[in-house]
Amino acid sequence: ASVTHGPGLTNTITGLIEGVKARIPVVLLAGDTAPAGRGSSQDIS
């Protein structure tokens, strides 16, 4: 699966935990904010 940074990633949290508990192998490709964009509205750790 693939999502964007910030809220795109936070929307996957329930599914990620479901996958961990179910022990299912998935790669979630998440874009992330460039260093120059740190502090932007969608920037999170």
All heavy atoms as atom14 arrays in JSON, in Angstrom:
{
  "sequence": "ASVTHGPGLTNTITGLIEGVKARIPVVLLAGDTAPAGRGSSQDIS",
  "atom14_mask": [
    [1, 1, 1, 1, 1, 0, 0, 0, 0, 0, 0, 0, 0, 0],
    [1, 1, 1, 1, 1, 1, 0, 0, 0, 0, 0, 0, 0, 0],
    [1, 1, 1, 1, 1, 1, 1, 0, 0, 0, 0, 0, 0, 0],
    [1, 1, 1, 1, 1, 1, 1, 0, 0, 0, 0, 0, 0, 0],
    [1, 1, 1, 1, 1, 1, 1, 1, 1, 1, 0, 0, 0, 0],
    [1, 1, 1, 1, 0, 0, 0, 0, 0, 0, 0, 0, 0, 0],
    [1, 1, 1, 1, 1, 1, 1, 0, 0, 0, 0, 0, 0, 0],
    [1, 1, 1, 1, 0, 0, 0, 0, 0, 0, 0, 0, 0, 0],
    [1, 1, 1, 1, 1, 1, 1, 1, 0, 0, 0, 0, 0, 0],
    [1, 1, 1, 1, 1, 1, 1, 0, 0, 0, 0, 0, 0, 0],
    [1, 1, 1, 1, 1, 1, 1, 1, 0, 0, 0, 0, 0, 0],
    [1, 1, 1, 1, 1, 1, 1, 0, 0, 0, 0, 0, 0, 0],
    [1, 1, 1, 1, 1, 1, 1, 1, 0, 0, 0, 0, 0, 0],
    [1, 1, 1, 1, 1, 1, 1, 0, 0, 0, 0, 0, 0, 0],
    [1, 1, 1, 1, 0, 0, 0, 0, 0, 0, 0, 0, 0, 0],
    [1, 1, 1, 1, 1, 1, 1, 1, 0, 0, 0, 0, 0, 0],
    [1, 1, 1, 1, 1, 1, 1, 1, 0, 0, 0, 0, 0, 0],
    [1, 1, 1, 1, 1, 1, 1, 1, 1, 0, 0, 0, 0, 0],
    [1, 1, 1, 1, 0, 0, 0, 0, 0, 0, 0, 0, 0, 0],
    [1, 1, 1, 1, 1, 1, 1, 0, 0, 0, 0, 0, 0, 0],
    [1, 1, 1, 1, 1, 1, 1, 1, 1, 0, 0, 0, 0, 0],
    [1, 1, 1, 1, 1, 0, 0, 0, 0, 0, 0, 0, 0, 0],
    [1, 1, 1, 1, 1, 1, 1, 1, 1, 1, 1, 0, 0, 0],
    [1, 1, 1, 1, 1, 1, 1, 1, 0, 0, 0, 0, 0, 0],
    [1, 1, 1, 1, 1, 1, 1, 0, 0, 0, 0, 0, 0, 0],
    [1, 1, 1, 1, 1, 1, 1, 0, 0, 0, 0, 0, 0, 0],
    [1, 1, 1, 1, 1, 1, 1, 0, 0, 0, 0, 0, 0, 0],
    [1, 1, 1, 1, 1, 1, 1, 1, 0, 0, 0, 0, 0, 0],
    [1, 1, 1, 1, 1, 1, 1, 1, 0, 0, 0, 0, 0, 0],
    [1, 1, 1, 1, 1, 0, 0, 0, 0, 0, 0, 0, 0, 0],
    [1, 1, 1, 1, 0, 0, 0, 0, 0, 0, 0, 0, 0, 0],
    [1, 1, 1, 1, 1, 1, 1, 1, 0, 0, 0, 0, 0, 0],
    [1, 1, 1, 1, 1, 1, 1, 0, 0, 0, 0, 0, 0, 0],
    [1, 1, 1, 1, 1, 0, 0, 0, 0, 0, 0, 0, 0, 0],
    [1, 1, 1, 1, 1, 1, 1, 0, 0, 0, 0, 0, 0, 0],
    [1, 1, 1, 1, 1, 0, 0, 0, 0, 0, 0, 0, 0, 0],
    [1, 1, 1, 1, 0, 0, 0, 0, 0, 0, 0, 0, 0, 0],
    [1, 1, 1, 1, 1, 1, 1, 1, 1, 1, 1, 0, 0, 0],
    [1, 1, 1, 1, 0, 0, 0, 0, 0, 0, 0, 0, 0, 0],
    [1, 1, 1, 1, 1, 1, 0, 0, 0, 0, 0, 0, 0, 0],
    [1, 1, 1, 1, 1, 1, 0, 0, 0, 0, 0, 0, 0, 0],
    [1, 1, 1, 1, 1, 1, 1, 1, 1, 0, 0, 0, 0, 0],
    [1, 1, 1, 1, 1, 1, 1, 1, 0, 0, 0, 0, 0, 0],
    [1, 1, 1, 1, 1, 1, 1, 1, 0, 0, 0, 0, 0, 0],
    [1, 1, 1, 1, 1, 1, 0, 0, 0, 0, 0, 0, 0, 0]
  ],
  "atom14_positions": [
    [[0.86, -1.19, 0.0], [0.0, 0.0, 0.0], [0.89, 1.23, 0.0], [2.06, 1.17, 0.4], [-0.92, 0.01, 1.22], [0.0, 0.0, 0.0], [0.0, 0.0, 0.0], [0.0, 0.0, 0.0], [0.0, 0.0, 0.0], [0.0, 0.0, 0.0], [0.0, 0.0, 0.0], [0.0, 0.0, 0.0], [0.0, 0.0, 0.0], [0.0, 0.0, 0.0]],
    [[0.33, 2.34, -0.45], [1.09, 3.59, -0.46], [0.2, 4.76, -0.06], [-0.95, 4.87, -0.5], [1.69, 3.86, -1.85], [2.44, 5.06, -1.84], [0.0, 0.0, 0.0], [0.0, 0.0, 0.0], [0.0, 0.0, 0.0], [0.0, 0.0, 0.0], [0.0, 0.0, 0.0], [0.0, 0.0, 0.0], [0.0, 0.0, 0.0], [0.0, 0.0, 0.0]],
    [[0.76, 5.63, 0.8], [0.05, 6.82, 1.26], [1.02, 7.99, 1.31], [2.24, 7.81, 1.22], [-0.57, 6.6, 2.66], [-1.59, 5.46, 2.63], [0.51, 6.33, 3.71], [0.0, 0.0, 0.0], [0.0, 0.0, 0.0], [0.0, 0.0, 0.0], [0.0, 0.0, 0.0], [0.0, 0.0, 0.0], [0.0, 0.0, 0.0], [0.0, 0.0, 0.0]],
    [[0.48, 9.16, 1.49], [1.31, 10.35, 1.6], [1.68, 10.59, 3.06], [1.34, 9.8, 3.95], [0.58, 11.57, 1.01], [1.51, 12.65, 0.87], [-0.58, 12.01, 1.87], [0.0, 0.0, 0.0], [0.0, 0.0, 0.0], [0.0, 0.0, 0.0], [0.0, 0.0, 0.0], [0.0, 0.0, 0.0], [0.0, 0.0, 0.0], [0.0, 0.0, 0.0]],
    [[2.4, 11.67, 3.29], [2.9, 11.96, 4.64], [1.8, 12.53, 5.53], [0.69, 12.84, 5.1], [4.1, 12.91, 4.59], [3.84, 14.17, 3.82], [4.8, 15.16, 3.69], [2.76, 14.63, 3.14], [4.32, 16.17, 2.97], [3.09, 15.86, 2.62], [0.0, 0.0, 0.0], [0.0, 0.0, 0.0], [0.0, 0.0, 0.0], [0.0, 0.0, 0.0]],
    [[2.12, 12.66, 6.83], [1.22, 13.31, 7.78], [-0.11, 12.6, 7.92], [-0.18, 11.44, 8.32], [0.0, 0.0, 0.0], [0.0, 0.0, 0.0], [0.0, 0.0, 0.0], [0.0, 0.0, 0.0], [0.0, 0.0, 0.0], [0.0, 0.0, 0.0], [0.0, 0.0, 0.0], [0.0, 0.0, 0.0], [0.0, 0.0, 0.0], [0.0, 0.0, 0.0]],
    [[-1.22, 13.3, 7.6], [-2.54, 12.69, 7.79], [-2.75, 11.45, 6.95], [-3.54, 10.58, 7.32], [-3.51, 13.81, 7.39], [-2.7, 14.76, 6.56], [-1.32, 14.68, 7.11], [0.0, 0.0, 0.0], [0.0, 0.0, 0.0], [0.0, 0.0, 0.0], [0.0, 0.0, 0.0], [0.0, 0.0, 0.0], [0.0, 0.0, 0.0], [0.0, 0.0, 0.0]],
    [[-2.06, 11.35, 5.82], [-2.16, 10.13, 5.03], [-1.69, 8.93, 5.83], [-2.3, 7.86, 5.82], [0.0, 0.0, 0.0], [0.0, 0.0, 0.0], [0.0, 0.0, 0.0], [0.0, 0.0, 0.0], [0.0, 0.0, 0.0], [0.0, 0.0, 0.0], [0.0, 0.0, 0.0], [0.0, 0.0, 0.0], [0.0, 0.0, 0.0], [0.0, 0.0, 0.0]],
    [[-0.58, 9.09, 6.55], [-0.05, 8.01, 7.36], [-0.88, 7.79, 8.62], [-1.13, 6.65, 9.01], [1.41, 8.3, 7.73], [2.11, 7.22, 8.56], [2.14, 5.89, 7.82], [3.53, 7.66, 8.91], [0.0, 0.0, 0.0], [0.0, 0.0, 0.0], [0.0, 0.0, 0.0], [0.0, 0.0, 0.0], [0.0, 0.0, 0.0], [0.0, 0.0, 0.0]],
    [[-1.31, 8.87, 9.27], [-2.07, 8.69, 10.51], [-3.38, 7.93, 10.26], [-3.86, 7.22, 11.15], [-2.39, 10.03, 11.2], [-3.19, 10.85, 10.33], [-1.11, 10.78, 11.57], [0.0, 0.0, 0.0], [0.0, 0.0, 0.0], [0.0, 0.0, 0.0], [0.0, 0.0, 0.0], [0.0, 0.0, 0.0], [0.0, 0.0, 0.0], [0.0, 0.0, 0.0]],
    [[-3.93, 8.05, 9.07], [-5.18, 7.33, 8.76], [-4.98, 5.82, 8.67], [-5.96, 5.07, 8.61], [-5.77, 7.84, 7.44], [-6.48, 9.16, 7.6], [-6.82, 9.57, 8.71], [-6.71, 9.85, 6.49], [0.0, 0.0, 0.0], [0.0, 0.0, 0.0], [0.0, 0.0, 0.0], [0.0, 0.0, 0.0], [0.0, 0.0, 0.0], [0.0, 0.0, 0.0]],
    [[-3.74, 5.36, 8.64], [-3.49, 3.91, 8.54], [-3.24, 3.24, 9.89], [-3.01, 2.04, 9.94], [-2.26, 3.64, 7.65], [-1.06, 4.1, 8.32], [-2.38, 4.31, 6.29], [0.0, 0.0, 0.0], [0.0, 0.0, 0.0], [0.0, 0.0, 0.0], [0.0, 0.0, 0.0], [0.0, 0.0, 0.0], [0.0, 0.0, 0.0], [0.0, 0.0, 0.0]],
    [[-3.3, 4.0, 10.97], [-2.86, 3.48, 12.27], [-3.65, 2.25, 12.71], [-3.08, 1.24, 13.14], [-2.95, 4.58, 13.35], [-1.97, 5.71, 13.04], [-2.68, 4.0, 14.74], [-0.53, 5.26, 12.92], [0.0, 0.0, 0.0], [0.0, 0.0, 0.0], [0.0, 0.0, 0.0], [0.0, 0.0, 0.0], [0.0, 0.0, 0.0], [0.0, 0.0, 0.0]],
    [[-4.97, 2.29, 12.62], [-5.77, 1.14, 13.03], [-5.41, -0.09, 12.21], [-5.25, -1.2, 12.75], [-7.27, 1.44, 12.88], [-7.63, 2.51, 13.76], [-8.12, 0.22, 13.21], [0.0, 0.0, 0.0], [0.0, 0.0, 0.0], [0.0, 0.0, 0.0], [0.0, 0.0, 0.0], [0.0, 0.0, 0.0], [0.0, 0.0, 0.0], [0.0, 0.0, 0.0]],
    [[-5.25, 0.08, 10.9], [-4.88, -1.04, 10.04], [-3.5, -1.59, 10.36], [-3.28, -2.8, 10.33], [0.0, 0.0, 0.0], [0.0, 0.0, 0.0], [0.0, 0.0, 0.0], [0.0, 0.0, 0.0], [0.0, 0.0, 0.0], [0.0, 0.0, 0.0], [0.0, 0.0, 0.0], [0.0, 0.0, 0.0], [0.0, 0.0, 0.0], [0.0, 0.0, 0.0]],
    [[-2.55, -0.7, 10.66], [-1.2, -1.17, 11.02], [-1.25, -2.04, 12.27], [-0.61, -3.1, 12.33], [-0.27, 0.02, 11.25], [0.22, 0.75, 10.0], [1.04, 1.99, 10.38], [1.05, -0.16, 9.1], [0.0, 0.0, 0.0], [0.0, 0.0, 0.0], [0.0, 0.0, 0.0], [0.0, 0.0, 0.0], [0.0, 0.0, 0.0], [0.0, 0.0, 0.0]],
    [[-2.01, -1.61, 13.27], [-2.1, -2.4, 14.5], [-2.79, -3.72, 14.23], [-2.39, -4.77, 14.74], [-2.82, -1.6, 15.6], [-2.04, -0.33, 15.93], [-3.01, -2.46, 16.86], [-2.74, 0.61, 16.88], [0.0, 0.0, 0.0], [0.0, 0.0, 0.0], [0.0, 0.0, 0.0], [0.0, 0.0, 0.0], [0.0, 0.0, 0.0], [0.0, 0.0, 0.0]],
    [[-3.84, -3.7, 13.42], [-4.51, -4.95, 13.02], [-3.52, -5.9, 12.36], [-3.48, -7.1, 12.67], [-5.66, -4.64, 12.06], [-6.36, -5.86, 11.47], [-7.29, -6.56, 12.43], [-7.69, -5.93, 13.43], [-7.63, -7.73, 12.17], [0.0, 0.0, 0.0], [0.0, 0.0, 0.0], [0.0, 0.0, 0.0], [0.0, 0.0, 0.0], [0.0, 0.0, 0.0]],
    [[-2.69, -5.36, 11.48], [-1.7, -6.19, 10.79], [-0.64, -6.75, 11.71], [-0.19, -7.89, 11.55], [0.0, 0.0, 0.0], [0.0, 0.0, 0.0], [0.0, 0.0, 0.0], [0.0, 0.0, 0.0], [0.0, 0.0, 0.0], [0.0, 0.0, 0.0], [0.0, 0.0, 0.0], [0.0, 0.0, 0.0], [0.0, 0.0, 0.0], [0.0, 0.0, 0.0]],
    [[-0.24, -5.96, 12.7], [0.74, -6.44, 13.68], [0.16, -7.58, 14.5], [0.78, -8.63, 14.67], [1.19, -5.28, 14.61], [2.0, -5.82, 15.79], [2.01, -4.26, 13.83], [0.0, 0.0, 0.0], [0.0, 0.0, 0.0], [0.0, 0.0, 0.0], [0.0, 0.0, 0.0], [0.0, 0.0, 0.0], [0.0, 0.0, 0.0], [0.0, 0.0, 0.0]],
    [[-1.06, -7.4, 14.98], [-1.69, -8.42, 15.82], [-2.0, -9.68, 15.01], [-1.95, -10.79, 15.54], [-2.97, -7.86, 16.45], [-2.72, -6.83, 17.54], [-4.02, -6.28, 18.09], [-3.77, -5.34, 19.27], [-3.36, -6.03, 20.5], [0.0, 0.0, 0.0], [0.0, 0.0, 0.0], [0.0, 0.0, 0.0], [0.0, 0.0, 0.0], [0.0, 0.0, 0.0]],
    [[-2.34, -9.51, 13.72], [-2.65, -10.65, 12.86], [-1.41, -11.26, 12.24], [-1.49, -12.29, 11.58], [-3.63, -10.22, 11.76], [0.0, 0.0, 0.0], [0.0, 0.0, 0.0], [0.0, 0.0, 0.0], [0.0, 0.0, 0.0], [0.0, 0.0, 0.0], [0.0, 0.0, 0.0], [0.0, 0.0, 0.0], [0.0, 0.0, 0.0], [0.0, 0.0, 0.0]],
    [[-0.27, -10.6, 12.38], [1.02, -11.09, 11.86], [0.95, -11.26, 10.34], [1.22, -12.32, 9.8], [1.43, -12.38, 12.56], [1.46, -12.27, 14.07], [2.1, -13.47, 14.78], [3.53, -13.51, 14.51], [4.13, -14.5, 13.87], [3.44, -15.52, 13.41], [5.44, -14.48, 13.67], [0.0, 0.0, 0.0], [0.0, 0.0, 0.0], [0.0, 0.0, 0.0]],
    [[0.58, -10.17, 9.67], [0.44, -10.18, 8.21], [1.55, -9.33, 7.59], [1.74, -8.18, 7.98], [-0.93, -9.63, 7.78], [-2.05, -10.5, 8.37], [-1.05, -9.59, 6.26], [-3.43, -9.96, 8.11], [0.0, 0.0, 0.0], [0.0, 0.0, 0.0], [0.0, 0.0, 0.0], [0.0, 0.0, 0.0], [0.0, 0.0, 0.0], [0.0, 0.0, 0.0]],
    [[2.28, -9.87, 6.6], [3.38, -9.12, 5.98], [2.88, -8.12, 4.93], [2.28, -8.5, 3.93], [4.23, -10.21, 5.33], [3.26, -11.3, 5.0], [2.21, -11.26, 6.08], [0.0, 0.0, 0.0], [0.0, 0.0, 0.0], [0.0, 0.0, 0.0], [0.0, 0.0, 0.0], [0.0, 0.0, 0.0], [0.0, 0.0, 0.0], [0.0, 0.0, 0.0]],
    [[3.11, -6.85, 5.19], [2.72, -5.78, 4.27], [3.82, -4.73, 4.27], [4.4, -4.43, 5.32], [1.38, -5.14, 4.69], [1.15, -3.8, 3.98], [0.21, -6.07, 4.38], [0.0, 0.0, 0.0], [0.0, 0.0, 0.0], [0.0, 0.0, 0.0], [0.0, 0.0, 0.0], [0.0, 0.0, 0.0], [0.0, 0.0, 0.0], [0.0, 0.0, 0.0]],
    [[4.11, -4.18, 3.1], [4.96, -2.99, 3.01], [4.06, -1.79, 2.76], [3.3, -1.76, 1.78], [6.0, -3.12, 1.88], [6.72, -1.79, 1.67], [7.01, -4.21, 2.2], [0.0, 0.0, 0.0], [0.0, 0.0, 0.0], [0.0, 0.0, 0.0], [0.0, 0.0, 0.0], [0.0, 0.0, 0.0], [0.0, 0.0, 0.0], [0.0, 0.0, 0.0]],
    [[4.1, -0.82, 3.66], [3.37, 0.43, 3.49], [4.37, 1.5, 3.1], [5.21, 1.91, 3.92], [2.64, 0.82, 4.77], [1.95, 2.18, 4.75], [0.86, 2.23, 3.69], [1.37, 2.52, 6.12], [0.0, 0.0, 0.0], [0.0, 0.0, 0.0], [0.0, 0.0, 0.0], [0.0, 0.0, 0.0], [0.0, 0.0, 0.0], [0.0, 0.0, 0.0]],
    [[4.32, 1.91, 1.85], [5.22, 2.94, 1.35], [4.61, 4.31, 1.65], [3.56, 4.66, 1.13], [5.42, 2.76, -0.16], [6.53, 3.57, -0.81], [7.02, 2.87, -2.06], [6.04, 4.97, -1.18], [0.0, 0.0, 0.0], [0.0, 0.0, 0.0], [0.0, 0.0, 0.0], [0.0, 0.0, 0.0], [0.0, 0.0, 0.0], [0.0, 0.0, 0.0]],
    [[5.29, 5.05, 2.52], [4.8, 6.36, 2.93], [5.76, 7.45, 2.49], [6.96, 7.4, 2.8], [4.63, 6.42, 4.45], [0.0, 0.0, 0.0], [0.0, 0.0, 0.0], [0.0, 0.0, 0.0], [0.0, 0.0, 0.0], [0.0, 0.0, 0.0], [0.0, 0.0, 0.0], [0.0, 0.0, 0.0], [0.0, 0.0, 0.0], [0.0, 0.0, 0.0]],
    [[5.25, 8.4, 1.75], [6.06, 9.57, 1.46], [6.32, 10.35, 2.74], [5.59, 10.2, 3.72], [0.0, 0.0, 0.0], [0.0, 0.0, 0.0], [0.0, 0.0, 0.0], [0.0, 0.0, 0.0], [0.0, 0.0, 0.0], [0.0, 0.0, 0.0], [0.0, 0.0, 0.0], [0.0, 0.0, 0.0], [0.0, 0.0, 0.0], [0.0, 0.0, 0.0]],
    [[7.38, 11.15, 2.74], [7.67, 11.93, 3.94], [8.12, 13.32, 3.52], [8.61, 13.55, 2.4], [8.76, 11.26, 4.78], [8.83, 11.81, 6.2], [7.96, 12.63, 6.56], [9.74, 11.41, 6.95], [0.0, 0.0, 0.0], [0.0, 0.0, 0.0], [0.0, 0.0, 0.0], [0.0, 0.0, 0.0], [0.0, 0.0, 0.0], [0.0, 0.0, 0.0]],
    [[7.96, 14.26, 4.45], [8.31, 15.65, 4.19], [9.82, 15.82, 4.05], [10.59, 15.25, 4.84], [7.82, 16.53, 5.36], [6.46, 16.22, 5.63], [7.96, 18.01, 5.03], [0.0, 0.0, 0.0], [0.0, 0.0, 0.0], [0.0, 0.0, 0.0], [0.0, 0.0, 0.0], [0.0, 0.0, 0.0], [0.0, 0.0, 0.0], [0.0, 0.0, 0.0]],
    [[10.24, 16.59, 3.06], [11.67, 16.88, 2.9], [12.15, 17.78, 4.03], [11.35, 18.52, 4.63], [11.9, 17.57, 1.56], [0.0, 0.0, 0.0], [0.0, 0.0, 0.0], [0.0, 0.0, 0.0], [0.0, 0.0, 0.0], [0.0, 0.0, 0.0], [0.0, 0.0, 0.0], [0.0, 0.0, 0.0], [0.0, 0.0, 0.0], [0.0, 0.0, 0.0]],
    [[13.44, 17.72, 4.37], [13.95, 18.57, 5.45], [13.6, 20.05, 5.27], [13.33, 20.74, 6.25], [15.47, 18.34, 5.38], [15.61, 16.97, 4.82], [14.49, 16.82, 3.83], [0.0, 0.0, 0.0], [0.0, 0.0, 0.0], [0.0, 0.0, 0.0], [0.0, 0.0, 0.0], [0.0, 0.0, 0.0], [0.0, 0.0, 0.0], [0.0, 0.0, 0.0]],
    [[13.57, 20.5, 4.04], [13.25, 21.91, 3.8], [11.81, 22.23, 4.16], [11.45, 23.4, 4.36], [13.49, 22.25, 2.32], [0.0, 0.0, 0.0], [0.0, 0.0, 0.0], [0.0, 0.0, 0.0], [0.0, 0.0, 0.0], [0.0, 0.0, 0.0], [0.0, 0.0, 0.0], [0.0, 0.0, 0.0], [0.0, 0.0, 0.0], [0.0, 0.0, 0.0]],
    [[10.97, 21.2, 4.24], [9.57, 21.41, 4.56], [9.23, 21.2, 6.02], [8.05, 21.19, 6.39], [0.0, 0.0, 0.0], [0.0, 0.0, 0.0], [0.0, 0.0, 0.0], [0.0, 0.0, 0.0], [0.0, 0.0, 0.0], [0.0, 0.0, 0.0], [0.0, 0.0, 0.0], [0.0, 0.0, 0.0], [0.0, 0.0, 0.0], [0.0, 0.0, 0.0]],
    [[10.22, 20.96, 6.86], [9.95, 20.75, 8.27], [9.21, 21.96, 8.85], [9.57, 23.11, 8.6], [11.25, 20.54, 9.05], [12.04, 19.32, 8.62], [11.26, 18.03, 8.75], [12.08, 16.86, 8.44], [11.63, 15.76, 7.88], [10.35, 15.67, 7.55], [12.43, 14.74, 7.65], [0.0, 0.0, 0.0], [0.0, 0.0, 0.0], [0.0, 0.0, 0.0]],
    [[8.17, 21.69, 9.61], [7.34, 22.75, 10.16], [6.11, 23.03, 9.32], [5.25, 23.81, 9.73], [0.0, 0.0, 0.0], [0.0, 0.0, 0.0], [0.0, 0.0, 0.0], [0.0, 0.0, 0.0], [0.0, 0.0, 0.0], [0.0, 0.0, 0.0], [0.0, 0.0, 0.0], [0.0, 0.0, 0.0], [0.0, 0.0, 0.0], [0.0, 0.0, 0.0]],
    [[6.0, 22.36, 8.18], [4.79, 22.52, 7.36], [3.61, 21.82, 8.03], [3.78, 21.02, 8.96], [5.01, 21.95, 5.96], [5.14, 20.54, 6.01], [0.0, 0.0, 0.0], [0.0, 0.0, 0.0], [0.0, 0.0, 0.0], [0.0, 0.0, 0.0], [0.0, 0.0, 0.0], [0.0, 0.0, 0.0], [0.0, 0.0, 0.0], [0.0, 0.0, 0.0]],
    [[2.41, 22.07, 7.55], [1.21, 21.57, 8.21], [1.15, 20.05, 8.28], [0.59, 19.49, 9.21], [-0.04, 22.11, 7.5], [-0.07, 21.67, 6.15], [0.0, 0.0, 0.0], [0.0, 0.0, 0.0], [0.0, 0.0, 0.0], [0.0, 0.0, 0.0], [0.0, 0.0, 0.0], [0.0, 0.0, 0.0], [0.0, 0.0, 0.0], [0.0, 0.0, 0.0]],
    [[1.75, 19.35, 7.31], [1.66, 17.88, 7.3], [2.92, 17.2, 7.82], [3.06, 15.98, 7.72], [1.35, 17.4, 5.88], [-0.03, 17.83, 5.4], [-0.41, 17.2, 4.07], [0.46, 16.84, 3.28], [-1.71, 17.07, 3.84], [0.0, 0.0, 0.0], [0.0, 0.0, 0.0], [0.0, 0.0, 0.0], [0.0, 0.0, 0.0], [0.0, 0.0, 0.0]],
    [[3.81, 17.95, 8.41], [5.06, 17.39, 8.91], [4.86, 16.82, 10.31], [4.42, 17.52, 11.23], [6.14, 18.47, 8.94], [7.45, 17.97, 9.49], [7.77, 16.79, 9.23], [8.13, 18.73, 10.19], [0.0, 0.0, 0.0], [0.0, 0.0, 0.0], [0.0, 0.0, 0.0], [0.0, 0.0, 0.0], [0.0, 0.0, 0.0], [0.0, 0.0, 0.0]],
    [[5.18, 15.54, 10.49], [5.16, 14.9, 11.8], [6.36, 13.97, 11.91], [7.03, 13.7, 10.91], [3.87, 14.07, 12.03], [3.72, 12.99, 10.94], [2.64, 14.94, 12.1], [2.6, 12.01, 11.2], [0.0, 0.0, 0.0], [0.0, 0.0, 0.0], [0.0, 0.0, 0.0], [0.0, 0.0, 0.0], [0.0, 0.0, 0.0], [0.0, 0.0, 0.0]],
    [[6.61, 13.46, 13.11], [7.65, 12.46, 13.29], [7.05, 11.1, 12.94], [6.41, 10.44, 13.77], [8.16, 12.46, 14.73], [9.11, 11.42, 14.9], [0.0, 0.0, 0.0], [0.0, 0.0, 0.0], [0.0, 0.0, 0.0], [0.0, 0.0, 0.0], [0.0, 0.0, 0.0], [0.0, 0.0, 0.0], [0.0, 0.0, 0.0], [0.0, 0.0, 0.0]]
  ]
}
